[in-house]
């Protein structure tokens, strides 16, 4: 498993909040899916309100 850092924004009405999340995953696509799942389950944010700007591997 590799460690990825995912950067982006969450849009909630008129407010936007930046986030930086580190997750363990096999590749970049599953890292993005994992972040969307985390925000959806914990913060009740819809996928269309999550904007991912960058996914990079952390060594």
PDB file of N, CA and C in Angstrom:
ATOM      1  N   UNK A   1       0.836  -1.178   0.000  1.00  0.00           N
ATOM      2  CA  UNK A   1       0.000   0.000   0.000  1.00  0.00           C
ATOM      3  C   UNK A   1       0.887   1.250   0.000  1.00  0.00           C
ATOM      4  N   UNK A   2       0.423   2.252  -0.705  1.00  0.00           N
ATOM      5  CA  UNK A   2       1.138   3.516  -0.792  1.00  0.00           C
ATOM      6  C   UNK A   2       0.354   4.577  -0.034  1.00  0.00           C
ATOM      7  N   UNK A   3       1.049   5.628   0.343  1.00  0.00           N
ATOM      8  CA  UNK A   3       0.415   6.743   1.050  1.00  0.00           C
ATOM      9  C   UNK A   3       0.234   7.890   0.064  1.00  0.00           C
ATOM     10  N   UNK A   4      -1.009   8.405  -0.022  1.00  0.00           N
ATOM     11  CA  UNK A   4      -1.330   9.500  -0.926  1.00  0.00           C
ATOM     12  C   UNK A   4      -1.851  10.692  -0.146  1.00  0.00           C
ATOM     13  N   UNK A   5      -1.543  11.879  -0.656  1.00  0.00           N
ATOM     14  CA  UNK A   5      -2.064  13.122  -0.095  1.00  0.00           C
ATOM     15  C   UNK A   5      -3.052  13.703  -1.107  1.00  0.00           C
ATOM     16  N   UNK A   6      -4.275  13.947  -0.658  1.00  0.00           N
ATOM     17  CA  UNK A   6      -5.336  14.448  -1.524  1.00  0.00           C
ATOM     18  C   UNK A   6      -5.696  15.861  -1.061  1.00  0.00           C
ATOM     19  N   UNK A   7      -5.624  16.833  -1.985  1.00  0.00           N
ATOM     20  CA  UNK A   7      -5.957  18.231  -1.698  1.00  0.00           C
ATOM     21  C   UNK A   7      -7.182  18.624  -2.505  1.00  0.00           C
ATOM     22  N   UNK A   8      -8.029  19.463  -1.908  1.00  0.00           N
ATOM     23  CA  UNK A   8      -9.194  19.929  -2.630  1.00  0.00           C
ATOM     24  C   UNK A   8     -10.049  20.876  -1.821  1.00  0.00           C
ATOM     25  N   UNK A   9     -11.319  21.024  -2.254  1.00  0.00           N
ATOM     26  CA  UNK A   9     -12.274  21.927  -1.608  1.00  0.00           C
ATOM     27  C   UNK A   9     -13.583  21.195  -1.376  1.00  0.00           C
ATOM     28  N   UNK A  10     -14.265  21.588  -0.314  1.00  0.00           N
ATOM     29  CA  UNK A  10     -15.624  21.139  -0.051  1.00  0.00           C
ATOM     30  C   UNK A  10     -16.519  22.363  -0.160  1.00  0.00           C
ATOM     31  N   UNK A  11     -17.550  22.265  -0.970  1.00  0.00           N
ATOM     32  CA  UNK A  11     -18.486  23.366  -1.133  1.00  0.00           C
ATOM     33  C   UNK A  11     -19.733  23.057  -0.314  1.00  0.00           C
ATOM     34  N   UNK A  12     -20.099  23.998   0.545  1.00  0.00           N
ATOM     35  CA  UNK A  12     -21.279  23.841   1.382  1.00  0.00           C
ATOM     36  C   UNK A  12     -22.076  25.135   1.310  1.00  0.00           C
ATOM     37  N   UNK A  13     -23.019  25.189   0.392  1.00  0.00           N
ATOM     38  CA  UNK A  13     -23.764  26.428   0.200  1.00  0.00           C
ATOM     39  C   UNK A  13     -22.868  27.504  -0.377  1.00  0.00           C
ATOM     40  N   UNK A  14     -22.749  28.629   0.314  1.00  0.00           N
ATOM     41  CA  UNK A  14     -21.887  29.720  -0.135  1.00  0.00           C
ATOM     42  C   UNK A  14     -20.467  29.575   0.385  1.00  0.00           C
ATOM     43  N   UNK A  15     -20.260  28.676   1.323  1.00  0.00           N
ATOM     44  CA  UNK A  15     -18.960  28.518   1.955  1.00  0.00           C
ATOM     45  C   UNK A  15     -18.129  27.437   1.252  1.00  0.00           C
ATOM     46  N   UNK A  16     -16.847  27.698   1.095  1.00  0.00           N
ATOM     47  CA  UNK A  16     -15.910  26.707   0.578  1.00  0.00           C
ATOM     48  C   UNK A  16     -14.823  26.492   1.616  1.00  0.00           C
ATOM     49  N   UNK A  17     -14.447  25.240   1.821  1.00  0.00           N
ATOM     50  CA  UNK A  17     -13.424  24.920   2.790  1.00  0.00           C
ATOM     51  C   UNK A  17     -12.376  24.034   2.130  1.00  0.00           C
ATOM     52  N   UNK A  18     -11.107  24.409   2.269  1.00  0.00           N
ATOM     53  CA  UNK A  18     -10.012  23.605   1.735  1.00  0.00           C
ATOM     54  C   UNK A  18      -9.721  22.432   2.656  1.00  0.00           C
ATOM     55  N   UNK A  19      -9.259  21.335   2.070  1.00  0.00           N
ATOM     56  CA  UNK A  19      -8.878  20.187   2.882  1.00  0.00           C
ATOM     57  C   UNK A  19      -7.611  19.548   2.332  1.00  0.00           C
ATOM     58  N   UNK A  20      -6.918  18.853   3.208  1.00  0.00           N
ATOM     59  CA  UNK A  20      -5.747  18.052   2.860  1.00  0.00           C
ATOM     60  C   UNK A  20      -5.867  16.766   3.658  1.00  0.00           C
ATOM     61  N   UNK A  21      -5.941  15.647   2.972  1.00  0.00           N
ATOM     62  CA  UNK A  21      -6.175  14.369   3.628  1.00  0.00           C
ATOM     63  C   UNK A  21      -5.126  13.378   3.155  1.00  0.00           C
ATOM     64  N   UNK A  22      -4.558  12.604   4.085  1.00  0.00           N
ATOM     65  CA  UNK A  22      -3.613  11.545   3.743  1.00  0.00           C
ATOM     66  C   UNK A  22      -4.283  10.202   3.953  1.00  0.00           C
ATOM     67  N   UNK A  23      -4.228   9.357   2.913  1.00  0.00           N
ATOM     68  CA  UNK A  23      -4.847   8.031   2.975  1.00  0.00           C
ATOM     69  C   UNK A  23      -3.884   6.995   2.408  1.00  0.00           C
ATOM     70  N   UNK A  24      -4.050   5.753   2.842  1.00  0.00           N
ATOM     71  CA  UNK A  24      -3.307   4.631   2.293  1.00  0.00           C
ATOM     72  C   UNK A  24      -4.172   3.956   1.243  1.00  0.00           C
ATOM     73  N   UNK A  25      -3.583   3.722   0.057  1.00  0.00           N
ATOM     74  CA  UNK A  25      -4.351   3.149  -1.034  1.00  0.00           C
ATOM     75  C   UNK A  25      -3.399   2.481  -2.025  1.00  0.00           C
ATOM     76  N   UNK A  26      -3.982   1.733  -2.969  1.00  0.00           N
ATOM     77  CA  UNK A  26      -3.183   1.059  -3.989  1.00  0.00           C
ATOM     78  C   UNK A  26      -2.778   1.986  -5.118  1.00  0.00           C
ATOM     79  N   UNK A  27      -3.682   2.922  -5.503  1.00  0.00           N
ATOM     80  CA  UNK A  27      -3.375   3.862  -6.581  1.00  0.00           C
ATOM     81  C   UNK A  27      -4.147   5.168  -6.375  1.00  0.00           C
ATOM     82  N   UNK A  28      -3.979   6.114  -7.300  1.00  0.00           N
ATOM     83  CA  UNK A  28      -4.587   7.440  -7.148  1.00  0.00           C
ATOM     84  C   UNK A  28      -6.110   7.397  -7.221  1.00  0.00           C
ATOM     85  N   UNK A  29      -6.648   6.567  -8.097  1.00  0.00           N
ATOM     86  CA  UNK A  29      -8.108   6.517  -8.243  1.00  0.00           C
ATOM     87  C   UNK A  29      -8.782   6.007  -6.982  1.00  0.00           C
ATOM     88  N   UNK A  30      -8.239   4.978  -6.371  1.00  0.00           N
ATOM     89  CA  UNK A  30      -8.848   4.461  -5.145  1.00  0.00           C
ATOM     90  C   UNK A  30      -8.628   5.420  -3.985  1.00  0.00           C
ATOM     91  N   UNK A  31      -7.555   6.206  -4.014  1.00  0.00           N
ATOM     92  CA  UNK A  31      -7.336   7.225  -2.986  1.00  0.00           C
ATOM     93  C   UNK A  31      -8.416   8.306  -3.076  1.00  0.00           C
ATOM     94  N   UNK A  32      -8.772   8.724  -4.292  1.00  0.00           N
ATOM     95  CA  UNK A  32      -9.840   9.717  -4.466  1.00  0.00           C
ATOM     96  C   UNK A  32     -11.177   9.143  -4.008  1.00  0.00           C
ATOM     97  N   UNK A  33     -11.455   7.908  -4.333  1.00  0.00           N
ATOM     98  CA  UNK A  33     -12.699   7.267  -3.905  1.00  0.00           C
ATOM     99  C   UNK A  33     -12.781   7.180  -2.377  1.00  0.00           C
ATOM    100  N   UNK A  34     -11.660   6.846  -1.764  1.00  0.00           N
ATOM    101  CA  UNK A  34     -11.631   6.718  -0.309  1.00  0.00           C
ATOM    102  C   UNK A  34     -11.914   8.060   0.366  1.00  0.00           C
ATOM    103  N   UNK A  35     -11.352   9.145  -0.161  1.00  0.00           N
ATOM    104  CA  UNK A  35     -11.587  10.478   0.405  1.00  0.00           C
ATOM    105  C   UNK A  35     -13.046  10.874   0.244  1.00  0.00           C
ATOM    106  N   UNK A  36     -13.619  10.606  -0.919  1.00  0.00           N
ATOM    107  CA  UNK A  36     -15.031  10.926  -1.128  1.00  0.00           C
ATOM    108  C   UNK A  36     -15.920  10.113  -0.191  1.00  0.00           C
ATOM    109  N   UNK A  37     -15.585   8.866   0.021  1.00  0.00           N
ATOM    110  CA  UNK A  37     -16.341   8.031   0.954  1.00  0.00           C
ATOM    111  C   UNK A  37     -16.234   8.555   2.382  1.00  0.00           C
ATOM    112  N   UNK A  38     -15.037   8.971   2.784  1.00  0.00           N
ATOM    113  CA  UNK A  38     -14.840   9.494   4.142  1.00  0.00           C
ATOM    114  C   UNK A  38     -15.669  10.748   4.391  1.00  0.00           C
ATOM    115  N   UNK A  39     -15.609  11.708   3.466  1.00  0.00           N
ATOM    116  CA  UNK A  39     -16.370  12.938   3.653  1.00  0.00           C
ATOM    117  C   UNK A  39     -17.866  12.688   3.568  1.00  0.00           C
ATOM    118  N   UNK A  40     -18.276  11.759   2.734  1.00  0.00           N
ATOM    119  CA  UNK A  40     -19.696  11.442   2.620  1.00  0.00           C
ATOM    120  C   UNK A  40     -20.244  10.800   3.870  1.00  0.00           C
ATOM    121  N   UNK A  41     -19.485   9.889   4.458  1.00  0.00           N
ATOM    122  CA  UNK A  41     -19.989   9.181   5.627  1.00  0.00           C
ATOM    123  C   UNK A  41     -19.861   9.995   6.914  1.00  0.00           C
ATOM    124  N   UNK A  42     -18.791  10.756   7.064  1.00  0.00           N
ATOM    125  CA  UNK A  42     -18.580  11.496   8.311  1.00  0.00           C
ATOM    126  C   UNK A  42     -19.219  12.877   8.305  1.00  0.00           C
ATOM    127  N   UNK A  43     -19.176  13.574   7.159  1.00  0.00           N
ATOM    128  CA  UNK A  43     -19.662  14.954   7.098  1.00  0.00           C
ATOM    129  C   UNK A  43     -20.951  15.106   6.310  1.00  0.00           C
ATOM    130  N   UNK A  44     -21.478  14.012   5.756  1.00  0.00           N
ATOM    131  CA  UNK A  44     -22.727  14.029   4.980  1.00  0.00           C
ATOM    132  C   UNK A  44     -22.644  14.987   3.793  1.00  0.00           C
ATOM    133  N   UNK A  45     -21.499  14.962   3.087  1.00  0.00           N
ATOM    134  CA  UNK A  45     -21.274  15.814   1.919  1.00  0.00           C
ATOM    135  C   UNK A  45     -21.472  14.967   0.661  1.00  0.00           C
ATOM    136  N   UNK A  46     -22.225  15.483  -0.286  1.00  0.00           N
ATOM    137  CA  UNK A  46     -22.436  14.796  -1.556  1.00  0.00           C
ATOM    138  C   UNK A  46     -21.172  14.865  -2.406  1.00  0.00           C
ATOM    139  N   UNK A  47     -20.989  13.877  -3.273  1.00  0.00           N
ATOM    140  CA  UNK A  47     -19.803  13.828  -4.126  1.00  0.00           C
ATOM    141  C   UNK A  47     -19.701  15.048  -5.042  1.00  0.00           C
ATOM    142  N   UNK A  48     -20.824  15.576  -5.480  1.00  0.00           N
ATOM    143  CA  UNK A  48     -20.778  16.726  -6.386  1.00  0.00           C
ATOM    144  C   UNK A  48     -20.285  17.991  -5.690  1.00  0.00           C
ATOM    145  N   UNK A  49     -20.252  18.012  -4.359  1.00  0.00           N
ATOM    146  CA  UNK A  49     -19.763  19.162  -3.606  1.00  0.00           C
ATOM    147  C   UNK A  49     -18.295  19.021  -3.206  1.00  0.00           C
ATOM    148  N   UNK A  50     -17.660  17.913  -3.596  1.00  0.00           N
ATOM    149  CA  UNK A  50     -16.244  17.698  -3.298  1.00  0.00           C
ATOM    150  C   UNK A  50     -15.453  17.901  -4.581  1.00  0.00           C
ATOM    151  N   UNK A  51     -14.515  18.833  -4.541  1.00  0.00           N
ATOM    152  CA  UNK A  51     -13.662  19.121  -5.696  1.00  0.00           C
ATOM    153  C   UNK A  51     -12.229  18.733  -5.335  1.00  0.00           C
ATOM    154  N   UNK A  52     -11.680  17.754  -6.029  1.00  0.00           N
ATOM    155  CA  UNK A  52     -10.321  17.297  -5.764  1.00  0.00           C
ATOM    156  C   UNK A  52      -9.382  17.973  -6.753  1.00  0.00           C
ATOM    157  N   UNK A  53      -8.404  18.699  -6.209  1.00  0.00           N
ATOM    158  CA  UNK A  53      -7.465  19.455  -7.052  1.00  0.00           C
ATOM    159  C   UNK A  53      -6.198  18.670  -7.347  1.00  0.00           C
ATOM    160  N   UNK A  54      -5.710  17.914  -6.362  1.00  0.00           N
ATOM    161  CA  UNK A  54      -4.419  17.264  -6.535  1.00  0.00           C
ATOM    162  C   UNK A  54      -4.350  15.970  -5.728  1.00  0.00           C
ATOM    163  N   UNK A  55      -3.763  14.961  -6.337  1.00  0.00           N
ATOM    164  CA  UNK A  55      -3.483  13.696  -5.653  1.00  0.00           C
ATOM    165  C   UNK A  55      -2.020  13.378  -5.921  1.00  0.00           C
ATOM    166  N   UNK A  56      -1.237  13.238  -4.846  1.00  0.00           N
ATOM    167  CA  UNK A  56       0.177  12.924  -5.036  1.00  0.00           C
ATOM    168  C   UNK A  56       0.621  11.881  -4.018  1.00  0.00           C
ATOM    169  N   UNK A  57       1.605  11.113  -4.418  1.00  0.00           N
ATOM    170  CA  UNK A  57       2.130  10.066  -3.547  1.00  0.00           C
ATOM    171  C   UNK A  57       3.143  10.670  -2.580  1.00  0.00           C
ATOM    172  N   UNK A  58       3.034  10.269  -1.322  1.00  0.00           N
ATOM    173  CA  UNK A  58       3.933  10.730  -0.274  1.00  0.00           C
ATOM    174  C   UNK A  58       4.942   9.622  -0.005  1.00  0.00           C
ATOM    175  N   UNK A  59       6.204   9.972   0.024  1.00  0.00           N
ATOM    176  CA  UNK A  59       7.232   8.941   0.268  1.00  0.00           C
ATOM    177  C   UNK A  59       7.814   9.072   1.647  1.00  0.00           C
TER     178      UNK A  59
END
